[in-house]
Amino acid sequence: MAESEELLSAWSASAPPEDRAWEATVPGPSLAAVAARMASVPRSFLDARVSIAALAGDVLRPRLLAVSHEDDDRVRRGAAVGLWLVASEDLVEPFAPSVAAAPGIGRAVDALALRLSPVVDPWEWLSDDERREEAVRTFLLWAGLRPAGEDVTTARSLLEARDSLRRNAALAQAYAAHRHRDEIARRLAEARAKEAAARYSSE
């Protein structure tokens, strides 16, 4: 099993800044609808023998970062829950609006697998209402959605109030350090790209 910090680092390196993610959100389905669907995840999706790579191949086009870490049971279960939310639109009924069609749907599944499951085991999402709400809000954010009827400020404050990572001081500190390093690396890469483009256009 991977260390929680290692999984959070993998997520941090791939995810855009949260401010940018929040700014890009649009109204999504109701929190209650997604939470009820999450609670009904079939046990077959959570079976330890299920390959996340195969399941994702059936359900989702984008390649999941979580596949590289599926030997961790928490990651596998977290990804499976996210994939169930996507697959359920065909198997049960579509959300309004659809989550499967959301621009960040692959990242949303990875967020459950790599951002949340290292901190809160996915079994808790299914047994505890508050942890399930945290999981749903996390999923919607990274899909590019926010719960129906909530503006960005409200949705953000409600997720932050339930964020288990913020409550775990040691992990939160390590995660913040990863995010800081990754943001510096991103800015340097952007600056280099602009510099290269400027050089190219002046030649």
Protein backbone atom coordinates (compact mmCIF):
# COMPACT_ATOMS: atom_id res chain seq x y z
CA MET A 1 0.00 0.00 0.00
CA ALA A 2 1.34 3.41 -0.95
CA GLU A 3 1.90 6.05 1.69
CA SER A 4 -0.85 8.66 1.85
CA GLU A 5 1.67 11.43 1.23
CA GLU A 6 2.91 9.70 -1.93
CA LEU A 7 -0.63 9.51 -3.31
CA LEU A 8 -1.34 13.13 -2.43
CA SER A 9 1.89 14.11 -4.15
CA ALA A 10 0.82 12.29 -7.32
CA TRP A 11 -2.49 14.15 -7.24
CA SER A 12 -0.85 17.50 -6.53
CA ALA A 13 1.51 17.17 -9.48
CA SER A 14 -1.38 16.59 -11.89
CA ALA A 15 -4.13 18.87 -10.59
CA PRO A 16 -4.50 22.55 -11.45
CA PRO A 17 -4.69 25.10 -8.61
CA GLU A 18 -7.95 24.90 -6.68
CA ASP A 19 -8.71 28.58 -7.28
CA ARG A 20 -8.68 27.93 -11.01
CA ALA A 21 -10.82 24.82 -10.59
CA TRP A 22 -13.45 26.73 -8.61
CA GLU A 23 -13.52 29.59 -11.11
CA ALA A 24 -14.24 27.12 -13.91
CA THR A 25 -17.19 25.41 -12.22
CA VAL A 26 -20.70 25.56 -13.61
CA PRO A 27 -23.96 24.44 -11.99
CA GLY A 28 -24.25 20.68 -11.74
CA PRO A 29 -26.74 18.14 -10.41
CA SER A 30 -28.12 18.27 -6.90
CA LEU A 31 -25.90 17.17 -4.06
CA ALA A 32 -28.64 14.84 -2.82
CA ALA A 33 -28.97 13.08 -6.18
CA VAL A 34 -25.24 12.38 -6.49
CA ALA A 35 -24.96 11.36 -2.82
CA ALA A 36 -27.84 8.90 -3.17
CA ARG A 37 -26.25 7.42 -6.28
CA MET A 38 -22.88 7.12 -4.55
CA ALA A 39 -24.49 5.31 -1.62
CA SER A 40 -25.96 2.78 -4.04
CA VAL A 41 -22.65 1.72 -5.62
CA PRO A 42 -22.90 -1.99 -6.45
CA ARG A 43 -20.58 -4.28 -4.52
CA SER A 44 -19.39 -5.65 -7.86
CA PHE A 45 -17.70 -2.29 -8.52
CA LEU A 46 -15.88 -2.53 -5.20
CA ASP A 47 -14.74 -6.13 -5.64
CA ALA A 48 -10.98 -6.38 -5.05
CA ARG A 49 -10.65 -8.47 -8.22
CA VAL A 50 -11.96 -5.68 -10.43
CA SER A 51 -9.27 -3.96 -12.49
CA ILE A 52 -9.64 -0.19 -12.45
CA ALA A 53 -7.85 0.01 -15.80
CA ALA A 54 -10.41 -2.36 -17.35
CA LEU A 55 -13.36 -0.68 -15.65
CA ALA A 56 -12.17 2.76 -16.71
CA GLY A 57 -11.70 1.48 -20.25
CA ASP A 58 -15.36 0.45 -20.31
CA VAL A 59 -16.71 3.60 -18.69
CA LEU A 60 -14.41 6.50 -19.45
CA ARG A 61 -12.22 7.73 -22.28
CA PRO A 62 -9.54 9.70 -20.42
CA ARG A 63 -6.75 7.61 -18.95
CA LEU A 64 -6.82 7.75 -15.18
CA LEU A 65 -3.76 8.61 -13.15
CA ALA A 66 -5.23 6.36 -10.46
CA VAL A 67 -4.52 3.30 -12.62
CA SER A 68 -0.83 3.70 -11.77
CA HIS A 69 -1.70 3.30 -8.08
CA GLU A 70 -4.48 0.73 -8.18
CA ASP A 71 -2.47 -1.73 -6.11
CA ASP A 72 -3.54 0.45 -3.17
CA ASP A 73 -6.98 -0.74 -2.06
CA ARG A 74 -8.09 2.76 -1.10
CA VAL A 75 -7.21 4.12 -4.53
CA ARG A 76 -8.94 1.23 -6.28
CA ARG A 77 -12.12 1.69 -4.24
CA GLY A 78 -12.07 5.47 -4.64
CA ALA A 79 -11.70 5.22 -8.41
CA ALA A 80 -14.39 2.53 -8.54
CA VAL A 81 -16.87 4.78 -6.73
CA GLY A 82 -16.15 7.60 -9.17
CA LEU A 83 -16.50 5.28 -12.14
CA TRP A 84 -19.82 4.07 -10.75
CA LEU A 85 -21.12 7.66 -10.74
CA VAL A 86 -20.21 7.89 -14.42
CA ALA A 87 -21.50 4.44 -15.41
CA SER A 88 -24.73 4.89 -13.46
CA GLU A 89 -25.92 7.49 -15.94
CA ASP A 90 -26.39 4.62 -18.41
CA LEU A 91 -27.29 1.95 -15.86
CA VAL A 92 -29.73 3.93 -13.70
CA GLU A 93 -30.58 7.33 -15.15
CA PRO A 94 -28.68 10.44 -16.21
CA PHE A 95 -27.97 13.22 -13.77
CA ALA A 96 -29.29 16.63 -14.74
CA PRO A 97 -26.95 17.97 -15.93
CA SER A 98 -24.81 14.97 -16.80
CA VAL A 99 -21.61 14.33 -14.86
CA ALA A 100 -20.34 11.91 -17.51
CA ALA A 101 -20.21 14.78 -20.01
CA ALA A 102 -18.42 17.16 -17.62
CA PRO A 103 -15.09 18.45 -18.94
CA GLY A 104 -13.08 17.24 -15.95
CA ILE A 105 -14.69 13.86 -15.41
CA GLY A 106 -11.42 11.90 -15.54
CA ARG A 107 -9.84 14.29 -13.07
CA ALA A 108 -12.91 13.95 -10.82
CA VAL A 109 -12.40 10.19 -10.59
CA ASP A 110 -8.70 10.74 -9.89
CA ALA A 111 -9.61 13.27 -7.18
CA LEU A 112 -11.62 10.64 -5.33
CA ALA A 113 -8.87 8.07 -5.77
CA LEU A 114 -5.78 10.19 -5.04
CA ARG A 115 -6.92 13.35 -3.22
CA LEU A 116 -9.60 11.96 -0.91
CA SER A 117 -9.14 8.21 -0.47
CA PRO A 118 -5.65 8.54 1.10
CA VAL A 119 -7.27 10.63 3.84
CA VAL A 120 -10.70 9.01 4.19
CA ASP A 121 -11.19 5.38 3.20
CA PRO A 122 -13.95 5.08 0.60
CA TRP A 123 -15.84 2.67 2.84
CA GLU A 124 -16.53 5.71 5.03
CA TRP A 125 -18.07 7.55 2.08
CA LEU A 126 -20.66 4.81 1.96
CA SER A 127 -21.35 4.59 5.68
CA ASP A 128 -21.08 8.19 6.91
CA ASP A 129 -23.27 10.99 5.56
CA GLU A 130 -20.74 13.78 6.14
CA ARG A 131 -17.88 11.88 4.52
CA ARG A 132 -20.14 11.02 1.59
CA GLU A 133 -21.00 14.69 1.18
CA GLU A 134 -17.29 15.50 1.21
CA ALA A 135 -16.70 12.89 -1.49
CA VAL A 136 -19.55 14.17 -3.66
CA ARG A 137 -18.42 17.77 -3.34
CA THR A 138 -14.84 16.78 -4.18
CA PHE A 139 -16.01 14.81 -7.20
CA LEU A 140 -18.17 17.64 -8.51
CA LEU A 141 -15.48 20.28 -8.05
CA TRP A 142 -12.90 18.42 -10.09
CA ALA A 143 -15.48 17.48 -12.72
CA GLY A 144 -15.96 21.23 -13.23
CA LEU A 145 -19.33 21.34 -11.50
CA ARG A 146 -20.82 22.59 -8.26
CA PRO A 147 -24.00 21.40 -6.55
CA ALA A 148 -27.23 22.77 -7.98
CA GLY A 149 -28.35 25.96 -6.30
CA GLU A 150 -24.92 26.87 -4.90
CA ASP A 151 -22.69 29.68 -6.06
CA VAL A 152 -18.90 29.32 -6.03
CA THR A 153 -18.47 30.97 -2.62
CA THR A 154 -21.06 28.76 -0.95
CA ALA A 155 -19.90 25.54 -2.59
CA ARG A 156 -16.30 26.25 -1.74
CA SER A 157 -16.95 27.10 1.90
CA LEU A 158 -19.10 24.00 2.37
CA LEU A 159 -16.41 21.72 0.94
CA GLU A 160 -13.68 23.39 2.97
CA ALA A 161 -15.73 22.89 6.13
CA ARG A 162 -15.83 19.15 5.44
CA ASP A 163 -12.32 18.72 4.04
CA SER A 164 -10.70 15.85 5.95
CA LEU A 165 -7.26 16.74 4.64
CA ARG A 166 -7.43 20.15 6.32
CA ARG A 167 -8.24 18.40 9.60
CA ASN A 168 -5.17 16.18 9.36
CA ALA A 169 -2.45 18.69 10.21
CA ALA A 170 0.57 16.58 9.23
CA LEU A 171 -0.83 15.51 5.87
CA ALA A 172 -2.19 18.99 5.19
CA GLN A 173 1.25 20.49 5.75
CA ALA A 174 2.92 17.97 3.45
CA TYR A 175 0.23 18.48 0.81
CA ALA A 176 0.62 22.27 0.97
CA ALA A 177 4.36 21.87 0.41
CA HIS A 178 3.73 19.66 -2.64
CA ARG A 179 1.22 22.15 -4.03
CA HIS A 180 3.67 25.02 -3.53
CA ARG A 181 6.48 23.19 -5.35
CA ASP A 182 4.16 22.11 -8.15
CA GLU A 183 2.85 25.65 -8.61
CA ILE A 184 6.40 27.01 -8.89
CA ALA A 185 7.22 24.32 -11.45
CA ARG A 186 4.07 25.20 -13.41
CA ARG A 187 4.90 28.91 -13.46
CA LEU A 188 8.47 28.23 -14.57
CA ALA A 189 7.21 25.99 -17.37
CA GLU A 190 4.74 28.67 -18.49
CA ALA A 191 7.46 31.33 -18.42
CA ARG A 192 9.80 29.13 -20.47
CA ALA A 193 7.05 28.43 -22.99
CA LYS A 194 6.31 32.16 -23.37
CA GLU A 195 9.99 32.93 -23.74
CA ALA A 196 10.40 30.24 -26.39
CA ALA A 197 7.32 31.50 -28.24
CA ALA A 198 8.62 35.07 -28.16
CA ARG A 199 11.99 33.95 -29.51
CA TYR A 200 10.34 31.92 -32.24
CA SER A 201 8.07 34.78 -33.34
CA SER A 202 10.97 37.24 -33.50
CA GLU A 203 13.07 35.01 -35.75
